[in-house]
C-alpha atoms as a PDB file:
ATOM      1  CA  UNK A   1     -30.560  40.212  10.407  1.00  0.00           C
ATOM      2  CA  UNK A   2     -28.844  43.339  11.574  1.00  0.00           C
ATOM      3  CA  UNK A   3     -25.191  43.675  10.339  1.00  0.00           C
ATOM      4  CA  UNK A   4     -23.020  45.170  13.052  1.00  0.00           C
ATOM      5  CA  UNK A   5     -20.498  47.391  11.195  1.00  0.00           C
ATOM      6  CA  UNK A   6     -19.487  49.077  14.444  1.00  0.00           C
ATOM      7  CA  UNK A   7     -18.202  45.850  15.939  1.00  0.00           C
ATOM      8  CA  UNK A   8     -16.098  45.216  12.813  1.00  0.00           C
ATOM      9  CA  UNK A   9     -14.632  48.752  13.015  1.00  0.00           C
ATOM     10  CA  UNK A  10     -14.013  48.342  16.750  1.00  0.00           C
ATOM     11  CA  UNK A  11     -12.255  44.977  16.640  1.00  0.00           C
ATOM     12  CA  UNK A  12     -10.528  45.274  13.276  1.00  0.00           C
ATOM     13  CA  UNK A  13      -7.299  46.655  14.761  1.00  0.00           C
ATOM     14  CA  UNK A  14      -7.158  43.683  17.144  1.00  0.00           C
ATOM     15  CA  UNK A  15      -7.506  41.348  14.216  1.00  0.00           C
ATOM     16  CA  UNK A  16      -4.860  43.183  12.252  1.00  0.00           C
ATOM     17  CA  UNK A  17      -2.423  42.937  15.203  1.00  0.00           C
ATOM     18  CA  UNK A  18      -3.057  39.184  15.439  1.00  0.00           C
ATOM     19  CA  UNK A  19      -2.446  38.881  11.713  1.00  0.00           C
ATOM     20  CA  UNK A  20       1.234  39.815  12.267  1.00  0.00           C
ATOM     21  CA  UNK A  21       1.622  36.511  14.134  1.00  0.00           C
ATOM     22  CA  UNK A  22      -0.095  34.679  11.182  1.00  0.00           C
ATOM     23  CA  UNK A  23       2.337  36.231   8.721  1.00  0.00           C
ATOM     24  CA  UNK A  24       5.318  35.375  10.946  1.00  0.00           C
ATOM     25  CA  UNK A  25       4.188  31.773  11.043  1.00  0.00           C
ATOM     26  CA  UNK A  26       3.796  31.529   7.296  1.00  0.00           C
ATOM     27  CA  UNK A  27       7.017  33.373   6.345  1.00  0.00           C
ATOM     28  CA  UNK A  28       9.245  31.552   8.801  1.00  0.00           C
ATOM     29  CA  UNK A  29       7.809  28.089   8.059  1.00  0.00           C
ATOM     30  CA  UNK A  30       7.838  28.569   4.269  1.00  0.00           C
ATOM     31  CA  UNK A  31      11.389  29.957   4.344  1.00  0.00           C
ATOM     32  CA  UNK A  32      12.734  27.105   6.431  1.00  0.00           C
ATOM     33  CA  UNK A  33      10.527  24.667   4.427  1.00  0.00           C
ATOM     34  CA  UNK A  34      12.134  25.901   1.212  1.00  0.00           C
ATOM     35  CA  UNK A  35      15.611  25.081   2.553  1.00  0.00           C
ATOM     36  CA  UNK A  36      14.677  21.609   3.702  1.00  0.00           C
ATOM     37  CA  UNK A  37      12.527  21.116   0.571  1.00  0.00           C
ATOM     38  CA  UNK A  38      15.459  21.730  -1.783  1.00  0.00           C
ATOM     39  CA  UNK A  39      17.571  19.196   0.197  1.00  0.00           C
ATOM     40  CA  UNK A  40      14.667  16.642   0.056  1.00  0.00           C
ATOM     41  CA  UNK A  41      14.034  17.224  -3.583  1.00  0.00           C
ATOM     42  CA  UNK A  42      17.665  16.706  -4.598  1.00  0.00           C
ATOM     43  CA  UNK A  43      17.835  13.735  -2.217  1.00  0.00           C
ATOM     44  CA  UNK A  44      14.933  12.169  -3.944  1.00  0.00           C
ATOM     45  CA  UNK A  45      16.850  12.287  -7.199  1.00  0.00           C
ATOM     46  CA  UNK A  46      19.724  10.123  -5.877  1.00  0.00           C
ATOM     47  CA  UNK A  47      20.547   7.196  -8.061  1.00  0.00           C
ATOM     48  CA  UNK A  48      20.886   4.967  -5.059  1.00  0.00           C
ATOM     49  CA  UNK A  49      17.585   3.233  -4.164  1.00  0.00           C
ATOM     50  CA  UNK A  50      17.944   3.061  -0.456  1.00  0.00           C
ATOM     51  CA  UNK A  51      18.994   6.726  -0.325  1.00  0.00           C
ATOM     52  CA  UNK A  52      15.887   7.675  -2.214  1.00  0.00           C
ATOM     53  CA  UNK A  53      13.724   5.703   0.194  1.00  0.00           C
ATOM     54  CA  UNK A  54      14.546   7.927   3.193  1.00  0.00           C
ATOM     55  CA  UNK A  55      13.151  11.167   1.862  1.00  0.00           C
ATOM     56  CA  UNK A  56      10.351   9.258   0.096  1.00  0.00           C
ATOM     57  CA  UNK A  57       9.176   7.912   3.500  1.00  0.00           C
ATOM     58  CA  UNK A  58       9.425  11.344   5.028  1.00  0.00           C
ATOM     59  CA  UNK A  59       7.389  12.958   2.223  1.00  0.00           C
ATOM     60  CA  UNK A  60       4.847  10.087   2.373  1.00  0.00           C
ATOM     61  CA  UNK A  61       4.267  10.527   6.063  1.00  0.00           C
ATOM     62  CA  UNK A  62       3.868  14.343   6.081  1.00  0.00           C
ATOM     63  CA  UNK A  63       1.790  14.453   2.874  1.00  0.00           C
ATOM     64  CA  UNK A  64      -0.311  11.531   4.010  1.00  0.00           C
ATOM     65  CA  UNK A  65      -1.276  12.642   7.563  1.00  0.00           C
ATOM     66  CA  UNK A  66      -3.367  15.740   8.551  1.00  0.00           C
ATOM     67  CA  UNK A  67      -1.458  18.887   9.512  1.00  0.00           C
ATOM     68  CA  UNK A  68      -3.540  19.092  12.746  1.00  0.00           C
ATOM     69  CA  UNK A  69      -2.343  15.662  13.796  1.00  0.00           C
ATOM     70  CA  UNK A  70       1.239  16.669  13.110  1.00  0.00           C
ATOM     71  CA  UNK A  71       0.781  19.793  15.248  1.00  0.00           C
ATOM     72  CA  UNK A  72      -0.593  17.739  18.130  1.00  0.00           C
ATOM     73  CA  UNK A  73       2.281  15.142  17.847  1.00  0.00           C
ATOM     74  CA  UNK A  74       4.818  17.869  18.206  1.00  0.00           C
ATOM     75  CA  UNK A  75       3.170  20.060  20.786  1.00  0.00           C
ATOM     76  CA  UNK A  76       1.800  17.293  23.015  1.00  0.00           C
ATOM     77  CA  UNK A  77       4.068  14.348  22.015  1.00  0.00           C
ATOM     78  CA  UNK A  78       7.535  15.794  22.456  1.00  0.00           C
ATOM     79  CA  UNK A  79       6.984  16.236  26.137  1.00  0.00           C
ATOM     80  CA  UNK A  80       6.891  12.414  26.487  1.00  0.00           C
ATOM     81  CA  UNK A  81      10.639  12.218  25.790  1.00  0.00           C
ATOM     82  CA  UNK A  82      12.528  12.805  29.003  1.00  0.00           C
ATOM     83  CA  UNK A  83      15.822  13.539  27.388  1.00  0.00           C
ATOM     84  CA  UNK A  84      14.312  16.288  25.272  1.00  0.00           C
ATOM     85  CA  UNK A  85      12.359  17.714  28.201  1.00  0.00           C
ATOM     86  CA  UNK A  86      15.515  17.930  30.244  1.00  0.00           C
ATOM     87  CA  UNK A  87      17.487  19.517  27.381  1.00  0.00           C
ATOM     88  CA  UNK A  88      18.344  23.157  27.097  1.00  0.00           C
ATOM     89  CA  UNK A  89      16.082  23.515  24.079  1.00  0.00           C
ATOM     90  CA  UNK A  90      12.896  22.563  25.958  1.00  0.00           C
ATOM     91  CA  UNK A  91      12.040  25.944  27.707  1.00  0.00           C
ATOM     92  CA  UNK A  92      12.874  28.336  24.819  1.00  0.00           C
ATOM     93  CA  UNK A  93      11.555  26.223  21.966  1.00  0.00           C
ATOM     94  CA  UNK A  94       9.730  22.884  22.466  1.00  0.00           C
ATOM     95  CA  UNK A  95       7.582  24.034  25.355  1.00  0.00           C
ATOM     96  CA  UNK A  96       6.325  27.091  23.393  1.00  0.00           C
ATOM     97  CA  UNK A  97       3.253  26.709  21.240  1.00  0.00           C
ATOM     98  CA  UNK A  98       4.530  29.334  18.786  1.00  0.00           C
ATOM     99  CA  UNK A  99       7.716  27.496  17.972  1.00  0.00           C
ATOM    100  CA  UNK A 100       6.005  24.091  17.937  1.00  0.00           C
ATOM    101  CA  UNK A 101       3.592  25.437  15.291  1.00  0.00           C
ATOM    102  CA  UNK A 102       6.486  26.718  13.233  1.00  0.00           C
ATOM    103  CA  UNK A 103       8.207  23.331  13.468  1.00  0.00           C
ATOM    104  CA  UNK A 104       5.060  21.459  12.461  1.00  0.00           C
ATOM    105  CA  UNK A 105       4.423  23.878   9.513  1.00  0.00           C
ATOM    106  CA  UNK A 106       8.000  23.611   8.421  1.00  0.00           C
ATOM    107  CA  UNK A 107       8.112  19.820   8.427  1.00  0.00           C
ATOM    108  CA  UNK A 108       4.782  19.718   6.603  1.00  0.00           C
ATOM    109  CA  UNK A 109       5.537  22.248   3.892  1.00  0.00           C
ATOM    110  CA  UNK A 110       9.062  20.952   3.275  1.00  0.00           C
ATOM    111  CA  UNK A 111       7.526  17.591   2.196  1.00  0.00           C
ATOM    112  CA  UNK A 112       5.341  19.275  -0.395  1.00  0.00           C
ATOM    113  CA  UNK A 113       8.150  21.639  -1.553  1.00  0.00           C
ATOM    114  CA  UNK A 114      10.522  18.654  -1.799  1.00  0.00           C
ATOM    115  CA  UNK A 115       8.174  17.183  -4.487  1.00  0.00           C
ATOM    116  CA  UNK A 116       7.884  20.562  -6.131  1.00  0.00           C
ATOM    117  CA  UNK A 117      11.669  20.882  -6.343  1.00  0.00           C
ATOM    118  CA  UNK A 118      12.063  17.303  -7.628  1.00  0.00           C
ATOM    119  CA  UNK A 119       9.540  17.935 -10.389  1.00  0.00           C
ATOM    120  CA  UNK A 120      11.148  21.274 -11.290  1.00  0.00           C
ATOM    121  CA  UNK A 121      14.640  19.802 -11.537  1.00  0.00           C
ATOM    122  CA  UNK A 122      13.371  17.027 -13.714  1.00  0.00           C
ATOM    123  CA  UNK A 123      11.730  19.686 -15.958  1.00  0.00           C
ATOM    124  CA  UNK A 124      14.961  21.549 -16.650  1.00  0.00           C
ATOM    125  CA  UNK A 125      15.528  21.244 -20.406  1.00  0.00           C
ATOM    126  CA  UNK A 126      18.029  18.494 -21.186  1.00  0.00           C
ATOM    127  CA  UNK A 127      19.743  20.715 -23.797  1.00  0.00           C
ATOM    128  CA  UNK A 128      20.797  23.224 -21.097  1.00  0.00           C
ATOM    129  CA  UNK A 129      22.315  20.437 -19.051  1.00  0.00           C
ATOM    130  CA  UNK A 130      24.069  19.011 -22.070  1.00  0.00           C
ATOM    131  CA  UNK A 131      25.438  22.518 -22.834  1.00  0.00           C
ATOM    132  CA  UNK A 132      26.820  22.677 -19.268  1.00  0.00           C
ATOM    133  CA  UNK A 133      28.539  19.342 -19.642  1.00  0.00           C
ATOM    134  CA  UNK A 134      29.926  20.439 -23.114  1.00  0.00           C
ATOM    135  CA  UNK A 135      31.710  23.438 -21.575  1.00  0.00           C
ATOM    136  CA  UNK A 136      33.206  21.233 -18.851  1.00  0.00           C
ATOM    137  CA  UNK A 137      31.192  22.181 -15.811  1.00  0.00           C
ATOM    138  CA  UNK A 138      31.526  19.922 -12.787  1.00  0.00           C
ATOM    139  CA  UNK A 139      28.366  18.437 -11.254  1.00  0.00           C
ATOM    140  CA  UNK A 140      28.411  21.082  -8.437  1.00  0.00           C
ATOM    141  CA  UNK A 141      28.880  23.919 -10.909  1.00  0.00           C
ATOM    142  CA  UNK A 142      26.075  22.601 -13.083  1.00  0.00           C
ATOM    143  CA  UNK A 143      23.777  22.335 -10.040  1.00  0.00           C
ATOM    144  CA  UNK A 144      24.590  25.788  -8.798  1.00  0.00           C
ATOM    145  CA  UNK A 145      24.719  27.676 -12.136  1.00  0.00           C
ATOM    146  CA  UNK A 146      22.178  25.832 -14.259  1.00  0.00           C
ATOM    147  CA  UNK A 147      20.016  23.296 -12.591  1.00  0.00           C
ATOM    148  CA  UNK A 148      18.820  25.145  -9.454  1.00  0.00           C
ATOM    149  CA  UNK A 149      18.356  28.575 -11.056  1.00  0.00           C
ATOM    150  CA  UNK A 150      16.261  27.070 -13.843  1.00  0.00           C
ATOM    151  CA  UNK A 151      14.346  24.880 -11.394  1.00  0.00           C
ATOM    152  CA  UNK A 152      13.503  27.798  -9.220  1.00  0.00           C
ATOM    153  CA  UNK A 153      12.038  29.671 -12.165  1.00  0.00           C
ATOM    154  CA  UNK A 154       9.943  26.657 -13.033  1.00  0.00           C
ATOM    155  CA  UNK A 155       8.702  26.042  -9.507  1.00  0.00           C
ATOM    156  CA  UNK A 156       7.688  29.596  -8.506  1.00  0.00           C
ATOM    157  CA  UNK A 157       3.980  29.186  -9.347  1.00  0.00           C
ATOM    158  CA  UNK A 158       3.723  25.909  -7.461  1.00  0.00           C
ATOM    159  CA  UNK A 159       5.643  27.260  -4.531  1.00  0.00           C
ATOM    160  CA  UNK A 160       3.456  30.359  -4.311  1.00  0.00           C
ATOM    161  CA  UNK A 161       0.446  27.994  -4.152  1.00  0.00           C
ATOM    162  CA  UNK A 162       2.043  26.137  -1.235  1.00  0.00           C
ATOM    163  CA  UNK A 163       2.639  29.391   0.562  1.00  0.00           C
ATOM    164  CA  UNK A 164      -1.089  30.246   0.214  1.00  0.00           C
ATOM    165  CA  UNK A 165      -2.017  26.732   1.429  1.00  0.00           C
ATOM    166  CA  UNK A 166       0.227  27.358   4.481  1.00  0.00           C
ATOM    167  CA  UNK A 167      -1.471  30.741   5.073  1.00  0.00           C
ATOM    168  CA  UNK A 168      -4.848  28.934   5.298  1.00  0.00           C
ATOM    169  CA  UNK A 169      -3.354  26.117   7.301  1.00  0.00           C
ATOM    170  CA  UNK A 170      -1.891  28.602   9.774  1.00  0.00           C
ATOM    171  CA  UNK A 171      -5.332  28.811  11.334  1.00  0.00           C
ATOM    172  CA  UNK A 172      -4.706  25.412  12.862  1.00  0.00           C
ATOM    173  CA  UNK A 173      -2.136  27.035  15.154  1.00  0.00           C
ATOM    174  CA  UNK A 174      -5.100  28.265  17.176  1.00  0.00           C
ATOM    175  CA  UNK A 175      -5.671  24.714  18.275  1.00  0.00           C
ATOM    176  CA  UNK A 176      -2.552  24.898  20.445  1.00  0.00           C
ATOM    177  CA  UNK A 177      -3.285  28.396  21.846  1.00  0.00           C
ATOM    178  CA  UNK A 178      -1.154  30.406  19.384  1.00  0.00           C
ATOM    179  CA  UNK A 179      -2.822  33.819  19.274  1.00  0.00           C
ATOM    180  CA  UNK A 180      -2.944  34.315  15.499  1.00  0.00           C
ATOM    181  CA  UNK A 181      -5.775  35.731  13.420  1.00  0.00           C
ATOM    182  CA  UNK A 182      -8.266  32.855  13.821  1.00  0.00           C
ATOM    183  CA  UNK A 183      -7.616  32.558  17.537  1.00  0.00           C
ATOM    184  CA  UNK A 184      -8.140  36.269  18.047  1.00  0.00           C
ATOM    185  CA  UNK A 185     -11.359  36.077  16.037  1.00  0.00           C
ATOM    186  CA  UNK A 186     -12.692  33.326  18.250  1.00  0.00           C
ATOM    187  CA  UNK A 187     -11.758  35.333  21.364  1.00  0.00           C
ATOM    188  CA  UNK A 188     -13.687  38.277  20.094  1.00  0.00           C
ATOM    189  CA  UNK A 189     -16.682  36.130  19.158  1.00  0.00           C
ATOM    190  CA  UNK A 190     -16.709  34.657  22.633  1.00  0.00           C
ATOM    191  CA  UNK A 191     -17.268  38.159  23.966  1.00  0.00           C
ATOM    192  CA  UNK A 192     -19.540  39.620  21.254  1.00  0.00           C
ATOM    193  CA  UNK A 193     -21.357  36.562  19.905  1.00  0.00           C
ATOM    194  CA  UNK A 194     -21.043  38.185  16.402  1.00  0.00           C
ATOM    195  CA  UNK A 195     -19.833  35.120  14.474  1.00  0.00           C
ATOM    196  CA  UNK A 196     -20.601  36.335  10.968  1.00  0.00           C
ATOM    197  CA  UNK A 197     -19.225  39.883  11.333  1.00  0.00           C
ATOM    198  CA  UNK A 198     -15.963  38.881  13.010  1.00  0.00           C
ATOM    199  CA  UNK A 199     -15.261  35.935  10.764  1.00  0.00           C
ATOM    200  CA  UNK A 200     -16.043  38.155   7.771  1.00  0.00           C
ATOM    201  CA  UNK A 201     -13.497  40.684   8.933  1.00  0.00           C
ATOM    202  CA  UNK A 202     -10.886  37.997   9.533  1.00  0.00           C
ATOM    203  CA  UNK A 203     -11.624  36.563   6.022  1.00  0.00           C
ATOM    204  CA  UNK A 204     -11.037  39.970   4.492  1.00  0.00           C
ATOM    205  CA  UNK A 205      -7.636  40.173   6.185  1.00  0.00           C
ATOM    206  CA  UNK A 206      -6.754  36.677   4.960  1.00  0.00           C
ATOM    207  CA  UNK A 207      -7.639  37.699   1.441  1.00  0.00           C
ATOM    208  CA  UNK A 208      -5.520  40.839   1.610  1.00  0.00           C
ATOM    209  CA  UNK A 209      -2.545  38.885   2.862  1.00  0.00           C
ATOM    210  CA  UNK A 210      -3.030  36.284   0.147  1.00  0.00           C
ATOM    211  CA  UNK A 211      -3.180  39.023  -2.506  1.00  0.00           C
ATOM    212  CA  UNK A 212       0.076  40.634  -1.154  1.00  0.00           C
ATOM    213  CA  UNK A 213       1.837  37.270  -1.214  1.00  0.00           C
ATOM    214  CA  UNK A 214       0.656  36.492  -4.793  1.00  0.00           C
ATOM    215  CA  UNK A 215       1.600  39.961  -5.976  1.00  0.00           C
ATOM    216  CA  UNK A 216       5.125  39.553  -4.572  1.00  0.00           C
ATOM    217  CA  UNK A 217       5.520  36.076  -6.168  1.00  0.00           C
ATOM    218  CA  UNK A 218       4.239  37.355  -9.488  1.00  0.00           C
ATOM    219  CA  UNK A 219       6.751  40.131  -9.605  1.00  0.00           C
ATOM    220  CA  UNK A 220       9.497  37.819  -8.570  1.00  0.00           C
ATOM    221  CA  UNK A 221       8.510  35.295 -11.317  1.00  0.00           C
ATOM    222  CA  UNK A 222       8.578  38.046 -13.881  1.00  0.00           C
ATOM    223  CA  UNK A 223      12.063  38.933 -12.764  1.00  0.00           C
ATOM    224  CA  UNK A 224      13.417  35.421 -12.753  1.00  0.00           C
ATOM    225  CA  UNK A 225      11.721  34.335 -15.953  1.00  0.00           C
ATOM    226  CA  UNK A 226      12.352  37.592 -17.811  1.00  0.00           C
ATOM    227  CA  UNK A 227      14.128  35.697 -20.558  1.00  0.00           C
ATOM    228  CA  UNK A 228      10.803  34.233 -21.638  1.00  0.00           C
ATOM    229  CA  UNK A 229       9.567  37.742 -22.545  1.00  0.00           C
ATOM    230  CA  UNK A 230      12.630  38.411 -24.766  1.00  0.00           C
ATOM    231  CA  UNK A 231      11.691  39.243 -28.327  1.00  0.00           C
ATOM    232  CA  UNK A 232      14.499  39.028 -30.785  1.00  0.00           C
ATOM    233  CA  UNK A 233      14.940  41.997 -33.136  1.00  0.00           C
ATOM    234  CA  UNK A 234      13.604  41.693 -36.605  1.00  0.00           C
ATOM    235  CA  UNK A 235      16.382  41.527 -39.149  1.00  0.00           C
ATOM    236  CA  UNK A 236      15.648  42.937 -42.594  1.00  0.00           C
ATOM    237  CA  UNK A 237      16.535  40.100 -45.046  1.00  0.00           C
ATOM    238  CA  UNK A 238      17.143  42.646 -47.768  1.00  0.00           C
ATOM    239  CA  UNK A 239      19.093  45.518 -46.270  1.00  0.00           C
ATOM    240  CA  UNK A 240      19.515  48.627 -48.404  1.00  0.00           C
ATOM    241  CA  UNK A 241      22.771  48.785 -50.298  1.00  0.00           C
END
């Protein structure tokens, strides 16, 4: 087998350009998914049973069905609704494969993030919540100043994993003609017939993007959880007189 390095060098800039779209899909969907995920996670903690059932059903659906099916339902299915097709949102958003992919990714990842948030909130030490009650914080103040900041520190590793999962899942956007990294790789292979070389180059780019994301999250986690690295000063029990 002859390895064609020249083809990799030639088409690598095209793959890099397409990877910008991949990064956009991941960043936008995970940022929006975080917002909706926080709402879902807190909603799931409602003491009212029927209120908890609504986000639970949403999470069950989006975690229990394939992401590809969800993409197809949004991209091909929304056009079946006449009211939506005649609305002002159809041309700029719902008829565009790019935005349909972001919507599908956002809905999918928000379901997973919702469970991550719920678990992180439940993992906040009870002593910290009791201390907030003891100083007279209201429920909103306790949520804003204690619960959510501590929960975010707890959930960062799980959230970073979800971002990497979405990076790999973003390749499914190629199924609805979004020209991201995998789609561009397939276009190049259709011309060159160099499956191994082109997919190898695309895989290297995915690895680099993953490393960058993980590095950013690692630094952010170190900043948020810097209190865990605190070492109290050693006090001499017998100070000199």
